Protein backbone atom coordinates (compact mmCIF):
# COMPACT_ATOMS: atom_id res chain seq x y z
CA UNK A 1 117.32 95.75 187.62
CA UNK A 2 115.10 98.65 186.95
CA UNK A 3 116.57 98.93 183.54
CA UNK A 4 115.91 95.35 182.67
CA UNK A 5 112.36 95.54 183.81
CA UNK A 6 111.85 98.66 181.68
CA UNK A 7 113.33 96.80 178.58
CA UNK A 8 111.24 93.78 179.08
CA UNK A 9 107.98 95.92 179.44
CA UNK A 10 108.81 97.79 176.35
CA UNK A 11 109.71 94.70 174.48
CA UNK A 12 106.28 93.21 175.19
CA UNK A 13 104.59 96.52 174.45
CA UNK A 14 106.11 96.58 170.93
CA UNK A 15 105.16 93.00 170.26
CA UNK A 16 101.48 93.45 171.25
CA UNK A 17 100.48 96.99 170.61
CA UNK A 18 100.27 97.11 167.02
CA UNK A 19 97.56 94.41 166.43
CA UNK A 20 98.27 91.12 165.53
CA UNK A 21 102.23 90.63 165.81
CA UNK A 22 103.88 90.70 162.43
CA UNK A 23 100.85 92.44 160.75
CA UNK A 24 99.03 89.10 159.76
CA UNK A 25 95.29 89.19 158.84
CA UNK A 26 93.50 87.18 161.28
CA UNK A 27 90.83 85.92 159.03
CA UNK A 28 93.78 85.15 156.44
CA UNK A 29 95.78 83.27 159.18
CA UNK A 30 92.63 81.24 160.10
CA UNK A 31 92.06 80.12 156.48
CA UNK A 32 95.71 79.42 155.97
CA UNK A 33 95.60 77.01 158.94
CA UNK A 34 92.65 75.06 157.68
CA UNK A 35 94.01 74.71 154.26
CA UNK A 36 97.39 73.75 155.24
CA UNK A 37 98.69 70.35 154.34
CA UNK A 38 99.97 69.64 157.92
CA UNK A 39 99.01 70.61 161.41
CA UNK A 40 101.72 73.11 162.71
CA UNK A 41 102.40 72.94 166.23
CA UNK A 42 104.79 75.36 167.76
CA UNK A 43 107.40 74.63 170.44
CA UNK A 44 108.48 77.63 172.57
CA UNK A 45 111.12 75.95 174.59
CA UNK A 46 114.24 76.60 176.67
CA UNK A 47 116.66 74.64 174.46
CA UNK A 48 119.75 76.75 175.62
CA UNK A 49 120.48 78.82 178.45
CA UNK A 50 120.10 78.47 182.23
CA UNK A 51 117.28 75.87 182.43
CA UNK A 52 117.93 74.15 178.82
CA UNK A 53 117.56 70.84 180.66
CA UNK A 54 114.03 71.12 181.11
CA UNK A 55 113.19 72.26 177.61
CA UNK A 56 115.32 69.73 175.89
CA UNK A 57 113.62 67.01 178.00
CA UNK A 58 110.08 68.36 176.94
CA UNK A 59 111.08 68.36 173.26
CA UNK A 60 112.01 64.84 173.43
CA UNK A 61 108.69 63.88 175.06
CA UNK A 62 106.76 65.92 172.35
CA UNK A 63 108.57 64.45 169.48
CA UNK A 64 107.89 60.93 170.62
CA UNK A 65 104.03 61.75 170.81
CA UNK A 66 104.14 63.29 167.36
CA UNK A 67 106.02 60.27 166.02
CA UNK A 68 103.14 58.06 167.51
CA UNK A 69 100.35 60.30 166.18
CA UNK A 70 101.69 60.58 162.75
CA UNK A 71 102.26 56.67 162.58
CA UNK A 72 98.51 56.39 163.28
CA UNK A 73 97.49 58.80 160.45
CA UNK A 74 97.83 61.95 162.05
CA UNK A 75 94.88 64.23 163.42
CA UNK A 76 91.72 64.48 161.56
CA UNK A 77 93.64 63.01 158.57
CA UNK A 78 96.42 65.34 158.55
CA UNK A 79 100.17 64.82 159.91
CA UNK A 80 101.45 66.97 162.63
CA UNK A 81 104.41 69.23 161.85
CA UNK A 82 106.57 70.62 164.63
CA UNK A 83 108.06 74.20 164.32
CA UNK A 84 110.83 74.25 166.94
CA UNK A 85 112.05 77.35 168.48
CA UNK A 86 114.50 78.22 171.27
CA UNK A 87 113.61 81.08 173.79
CA UNK A 88 117.05 80.86 175.26
CA UNK A 89 115.50 80.60 178.75
CA UNK A 90 114.89 84.42 178.65
CA UNK A 91 111.56 85.98 179.00
CA UNK A 92 111.70 88.66 176.39
CA UNK A 93 112.89 85.92 173.86
CA UNK A 94 109.95 83.76 174.77
CA UNK A 95 107.57 86.75 173.75
CA UNK A 96 109.28 87.23 170.40
CA UNK A 97 109.16 83.49 169.77
CA UNK A 98 105.34 83.32 170.55
CA UNK A 99 104.92 86.32 168.15
CA UNK A 100 106.96 84.54 165.36
CA UNK A 101 104.98 81.24 165.97
CA UNK A 102 101.55 82.64 165.87
CA UNK A 103 101.90 84.85 162.80
CA UNK A 104 104.95 83.97 160.60
CA UNK A 105 104.73 80.33 161.19
CA UNK A 106 101.07 80.16 161.48
CA UNK A 107 100.98 77.45 164.10
CA UNK A 108 97.68 76.11 165.33
CA UNK A 109 98.85 75.79 168.83
CA UNK A 110 101.94 76.16 171.18
CA UNK A 111 103.54 73.79 173.62
CA UNK A 112 105.74 75.48 176.19
CA UNK A 113 107.65 77.27 177.53
CA UNK A 114 108.89 75.05 180.44
CA UNK A 115 109.21 77.66 183.07
CA UNK A 116 106.70 79.99 184.70
CA UNK A 117 108.19 83.31 183.78
CA UNK A 118 108.70 82.56 180.07
CA UNK A 119 105.19 81.07 179.96
CA UNK A 120 103.75 84.33 181.29
CA UNK A 121 105.69 86.29 178.80
CA UNK A 122 104.00 84.67 175.93
CA UNK A 123 100.63 85.22 177.01
CA UNK A 124 100.06 88.70 175.47
CA UNK A 125 100.87 87.52 171.93
CA UNK A 126 99.07 84.10 172.11
CA UNK A 127 96.02 86.15 173.41
CA UNK A 128 96.26 88.67 170.64
CA UNK A 129 96.65 86.08 168.13
CA UNK A 130 93.94 83.72 169.72
CA UNK A 131 96.17 80.74 169.52
CA UNK A 132 96.25 78.31 172.63
CA UNK A 133 99.28 77.18 174.53
CA UNK A 134 100.02 74.56 176.94
CA UNK A 135 102.81 75.01 179.25
CA UNK A 136 103.91 71.17 180.24
CA UNK A 137 105.73 72.44 183.52
CA UNK A 138 105.04 76.28 184.19
CA UNK A 139 103.63 75.90 187.70
CA UNK A 140 103.01 79.62 188.95
CA UNK A 141 99.45 79.95 189.60
CA UNK A 142 99.15 83.42 187.79
CA UNK A 143 100.13 81.80 184.44
CA UNK A 144 96.29 80.63 184.02
CA UNK A 145 94.58 83.35 186.32
CA UNK A 146 95.61 86.93 186.85
CA UNK A 147 93.81 89.27 189.05
CA UNK A 148 90.81 86.93 189.00
CA UNK A 149 90.98 86.92 185.18
CA UNK A 150 91.13 83.60 183.41
CA UNK A 151 93.85 83.66 180.53
CA UNK A 152 91.65 82.58 177.74
CA UNK A 153 94.28 80.67 175.61
CA UNK A 154 96.63 79.50 178.36
CA UNK A 155 96.51 76.14 179.74
CA UNK A 156 98.83 73.76 181.60
CA UNK A 157 99.40 70.03 181.85
CA UNK A 158 101.02 70.12 185.32
CA UNK A 159 99.63 71.09 188.59
CA UNK A 160 100.34 74.52 189.98
CA UNK A 161 102.75 75.95 192.73
CA UNK A 162 99.88 76.23 195.35
CA UNK A 163 99.17 72.53 194.94
CA UNK A 164 102.82 71.63 195.41
CA UNK A 165 103.19 73.81 198.52
CA UNK A 166 100.20 72.14 200.12
CA UNK A 167 101.48 68.79 199.34
CA UNK A 168 104.89 69.15 200.63
CA UNK A 169 103.69 70.78 203.83
CA UNK A 170 101.38 67.89 204.57
CA UNK A 171 103.81 65.35 203.48
CA UNK A 172 106.43 66.87 205.94
CA UNK A 173 103.86 66.50 208.75
CA UNK A 174 102.16 63.36 207.86
CA UNK A 175 104.77 61.11 206.41
CA UNK A 176 107.79 62.65 208.06
CA UNK A 177 106.58 63.38 211.22
CA UNK A 178 108.10 66.83 211.16
CA UNK A 179 107.10 70.14 212.94
CA UNK A 180 109.95 72.24 212.61
CA UNK A 181 111.03 73.86 209.39
CA UNK A 182 113.78 75.83 207.76
CA UNK A 183 113.03 77.69 204.67
CA UNK A 184 115.75 78.42 202.16
CA UNK A 185 114.00 80.17 199.16
CA UNK A 186 114.95 81.49 195.85
CA UNK A 187 113.65 85.20 195.86
CA UNK A 188 114.62 86.00 192.23
CA UNK A 189 111.84 83.62 190.59
CA UNK A 190 108.08 83.60 190.51
CA UNK A 191 108.14 79.83 190.62
CA UNK A 192 109.83 79.79 193.94
CA UNK A 193 108.16 82.67 195.67
CA UNK A 194 104.84 81.10 194.72
CA UNK A 195 105.90 77.65 196.28
CA UNK A 196 107.15 79.65 199.35
CA UNK A 197 103.84 81.36 199.92
CA UNK A 198 101.76 78.30 199.61
CA UNK A 199 104.02 76.12 201.78
CA UNK A 200 103.77 78.91 204.66
CA UNK A 201 99.97 79.21 204.24
CA UNK A 202 99.60 75.41 204.78
CA UNK A 203 102.29 74.38 207.00
CA UNK A 204 100.98 74.05 210.76
CA UNK A 205 104.36 73.73 212.40
CA UNK A 206 107.07 76.16 213.30
CA UNK A 207 109.31 77.99 210.74
CA UNK A 208 112.33 78.49 212.68
CA UNK A 209 114.21 80.28 209.93
CA UNK A 210 113.45 81.82 206.62
CA UNK A 211 116.59 82.46 204.70
CA UNK A 212 116.73 83.88 201.18
CA UNK A 213 119.05 83.38 197.98
CA UNK A 214 119.21 84.47 194.37
CA UNK A 215 119.60 82.44 191.18
CA UNK A 216 123.25 82.13 190.13
CA UNK A 217 124.53 82.25 193.71
CA UNK A 218 127.21 79.73 194.32
CA UNK A 219 128.24 79.91 197.96
CA UNK A 220 125.50 79.26 200.40
CA UNK A 221 127.92 78.55 203.68
CA UNK A 222 126.76 81.75 205.31
CA UNK A 223 123.15 80.77 205.21
CA UNK A 224 123.81 77.21 206.11
CA UNK A 225 126.06 78.35 209.01
CA UNK A 226 123.19 80.48 210.42
CA UNK A 227 120.96 77.51 210.46
CA UNK A 228 123.06 74.62 211.49
CA UNK A 229 122.87 74.71 215.15
CA UNK A 230 119.16 75.62 215.08
CA UNK A 231 116.49 72.97 216.25
CA UNK A 232 114.74 72.10 213.13
CA UNK A 233 113.24 68.77 211.51
CA UNK A 234 113.74 69.67 207.80
CA UNK A 235 114.60 72.27 205.13
CA UNK A 236 112.15 73.22 202.64
CA UNK A 237 114.05 74.42 199.49
CA UNK A 238 111.76 75.75 196.73
CA UNK A 239 114.11 76.40 193.72
CA UNK A 240 115.58 74.97 190.58
CA UNK A 241 118.18 72.08 190.25
CA UNK A 242 121.18 74.34 189.60
CA UNK A 243 121.00 76.28 193.00
CA UNK A 244 119.32 73.25 194.93
CA UNK A 245 122.27 70.98 194.03
CA UNK A 246 124.77 73.35 195.36
CA UNK A 247 122.73 74.02 198.57
CA UNK A 248 122.44 70.19 199.21
CA UNK A 249 125.99 69.51 198.67
CA UNK A 250 127.40 72.22 200.89
CA UNK A 251 124.72 71.45 203.49
CA UNK A 252 125.70 67.84 203.60
CA UNK A 253 129.47 68.69 203.76
CA UNK A 254 128.81 70.84 206.65
CA UNK A 255 126.90 68.08 208.49
CA UNK A 256 123.48 69.09 208.17
CA UNK A 257 121.70 65.81 207.80
CA UNK A 258 117.98 66.78 208.23
CA UNK A 259 115.77 65.91 205.07
CA UNK A 260 115.40 68.52 202.38
CA UNK A 261 112.06 69.03 200.51
CA UNK A 262 111.58 70.55 197.21
CA UNK A 263 109.30 70.80 194.27
CA UNK A 264 109.40 69.65 190.86
CA UNK A 265 112.36 71.96 189.97
CA UNK A 266 114.37 69.03 191.42
CA UNK A 267 113.24 66.76 188.71
CA UNK A 268 116.43 66.72 186.72
CA UNK A 269 119.53 64.24 186.93
CA UNK A 270 121.71 67.12 186.86
CA UNK A 271 120.71 67.68 190.46
CA UNK A 272 122.36 64.46 191.44
CA UNK A 273 125.63 65.62 189.40
CA UNK A 274 125.80 68.82 191.10
CA UNK A 275 124.93 67.70 194.71
CA UNK A 276 126.95 64.38 194.44
CA UNK A 277 125.12 61.07 194.87
CA UNK A 278 126.72 60.59 198.41
CA UNK A 279 124.93 63.75 199.47
CA UNK A 280 121.65 62.86 198.06
CA UNK A 281 120.02 61.20 201.23
CA UNK A 282 116.66 62.17 202.74
CA UNK A 283 115.79 64.25 199.79
CA UNK A 284 112.08 64.51 198.82
CA UNK A 285 110.38 66.34 196.08
CA UNK A 286 107.13 66.47 194.28
CA UNK A 287 107.03 65.25 190.82
CA UNK A 288 104.47 64.78 187.99
CA UNK A 289 105.64 61.11 186.87
CA UNK A 290 107.75 58.33 188.22
CA UNK A 291 108.13 54.80 186.57
CA UNK A 292 108.11 53.44 190.17
CA UNK A 293 104.67 54.62 190.91
CA UNK A 294 101.69 52.56 190.40
CA UNK A 295 101.07 52.49 186.47
CA UNK A 296 98.64 51.62 183.87
CA UNK A 297 98.86 50.10 180.38
CA UNK A 298 99.30 53.53 178.96
CA UNK A 299 102.09 54.42 181.32
CA UNK A 300 103.90 51.14 180.40
CA UNK A 301 103.53 51.96 176.84
CA UNK A 302 105.07 55.15 177.23
CA UNK A 303 108.04 53.93 179.29
CA UNK A 304 108.96 51.17 176.70
CA UNK A 305 108.69 53.44 173.83
CA UNK A 306 110.70 56.18 175.41
CA UNK A 307 113.38 53.95 176.47
CA UNK A 308 113.49 52.33 172.76
CA UNK A 309 113.76 55.78 171.20
CA UNK A 310 115.99 57.52 173.65
CA UNK A 311 117.83 54.74 175.44
CA UNK A 312 117.12 56.28 178.81
CA UNK A 313 114.32 56.38 181.48
CA UNK A 314 111.68 58.95 181.03
CA UNK A 315 111.68 62.03 183.44
CA UNK A 316 108.71 64.08 184.58
CA UNK A 317 109.37 66.79 182.01
CA UNK A 318 109.32 64.15 179.17
CA UNK A 319 105.91 62.82 180.34
CA UNK A 320 104.20 66.19 180.78
CA UNK A 321 105.31 67.17 177.25
CA UNK A 322 104.12 63.94 175.86
CA UNK A 323 100.85 64.38 177.65
CA UNK A 324 100.74 67.99 176.31
CA UNK A 325 100.81 66.92 172.74
CA UNK A 326 98.09 64.19 173.12
CA UNK A 327 96.05 66.79 174.96
CA UNK A 328 96.11 68.90 171.91
CA UNK A 329 95.49 65.84 169.68
CA UNK A 330 92.55 64.76 171.51
CA UNK A 331 91.11 68.23 171.82
CA UNK A 332 91.65 68.91 168.05
CA UNK A 333 89.82 65.63 167.22
CA UNK A 334 86.97 66.75 169.27
CA UNK A 335 86.86 70.08 167.67
CA UNK A 336 86.49 68.52 164.32
CA UNK A 337 88.47 70.93 162.16
CA UNK A 338 92.07 72.81 162.17
CA UNK A 339 90.86 75.88 164.15
CA UNK A 340 92.81 77.48 167.04
CA UNK A 341 89.79 79.18 168.68
CA UNK A 342 87.79 75.86 168.61
CA UNK A 343 90.85 73.97 169.88
CA UNK A 344 90.97 76.48 172.90
CA UNK A 345 87.37 75.67 173.89
CA UNK A 346 87.73 71.87 173.64
CA UNK A 347 91.11 72.19 175.82
CA UNK A 348 89.05 74.20 178.24
CA UNK A 349 86.39 71.40 178.57
CA UNK A 350 88.97 68.53 178.51
CA UNK A 351 87.59 65.46 180.76
CA UNK A 352 89.08 62.51 182.06
CA UNK A 353 91.92 62.67 179.89
CA UNK A 354 94.11 59.33 180.41
CA UNK A 355 97.56 60.79 180.51
CA UNK A 356 100.72 59.09 181.53
CA UNK A 357 101.15 61.75 184.32
CA UNK A 358 97.58 60.65 185.64
CA UNK A 359 93.93 60.96 184.62
CA UNK A 360 92.99 64.55 184.41
CA UNK A 361 90.21 66.99 183.83
CA UNK A 362 90.58 70.65 183.17
CA UNK A 363 89.24 72.99 185.74
CA UNK A 364 87.62 76.29 185.19
CA UNK A 365 90.95 78.06 185.67
CA UNK A 366 92.51 75.92 183.05
CA UNK A 367 94.46 73.77 185.46
CA UNK A 368 94.31 69.99 185.56
CA UNK A 369 92.82 68.06 188.45
CA UNK A 370 95.42 65.33 188.76
CA UNK A 371 97.44 63.33 191.27
CA UNK A 372 101.14 64.28 192.46
CA UNK A 373 104.01 62.03 193.12
CA UNK A 374 106.32 62.60 196.12
CA UNK A 375 109.78 61.05 195.47
CA UNK A 376 112.21 59.94 197.97
CA UNK A 377 115.95 59.80 197.04
CA UNK A 378 118.60 57.63 198.95
CA UNK A 379 122.23 57.29 197.78
CA UNK A 380 121.40 59.42 194.72
CA UNK A 381 118.55 57.14 193.55
CA UNK A 382 114.93 57.10 193.65
CA UNK A 383 113.95 54.93 196.55
CA UNK A 384 110.31 55.76 196.99
CA UNK A 385 107.34 57.12 194.93
CA UNK A 386 104.15 58.06 196.98
CA UNK A 387 100.92 59.04 194.85
CA UNK A 388 99.10 61.85 196.43
CA UNK A 389 95.65 62.73 195.00
CA UNK A 390 94.37 66.27 195.15
């Protein structure tokens, strides 16, 4: 563990301590972008590895948006060109990808990564190169603000962990009438730790047990045996779909029938495959998008266009990434030229953006003010979608 931490810090140091990564001249890079025939947008996504499902969904959403933008003539008269890189669901690789995209590939902006840890890993290199990045789904609060310092070139299209924790705590009390919680939390990810902290700070009921697990654990029977006979109303389960699916499956097989609440890490169809649809009852989670939630003309267009292109229903990750690309397009149009620094300033001032995940405005901390959706699952299918405003 200590060795991995040392190697990761060392890799970031090497990538950021020698001026602009790759040795590029900042003025020349700026000139190259303005004079390029296309607008290069880099994708730093988890296309393989543990959370590849998220990255590949976001790639689909971005490619649909770019196809539409280019069909309408591009941005400021130039077509968008995607430069797609796989960070392999690894934080050190994410930092290396960001270095490559900002200098060698000379991208104007980056979309991604999908996850919080990988998003934070790219910050030193995008800051050094002054290239803005939007994470569609990185929800850790410290992605955009660390030690009270705003990360100048980092933005997000999603709401953050603190918001999700508040929403879920209130939803349990107000919508489910629940007052006694069991927490089963992932202690190996920043994402889950942030969600747990926010929930604990908001929930007014009793926390009768606070159990912990690590990513890649497979057997949760010991934890579930400890809580099974306790008096509780629901389980709060902050984590990603791989572990959450196993916990849901094993809990239901042991006869634990109380509702299980999770965050947007549940938003993947693989959760149902892992848990088994027969076990997916009384499951509730925060999401950024649902085709069953009240919609607009823009949302209907997105749903139909996505189904036509990919022959499936769009997910939250598809929608967030689609919005991310359009946030860049709208902000670049306002900037009036192909300039990364001017683009960052326009992103920081984004107001009333009409996204498919909701109308949003960027706050002073580079987080969008927007609604959330709490999805309820019955028999493995979405049974409800309640819009919750901030």
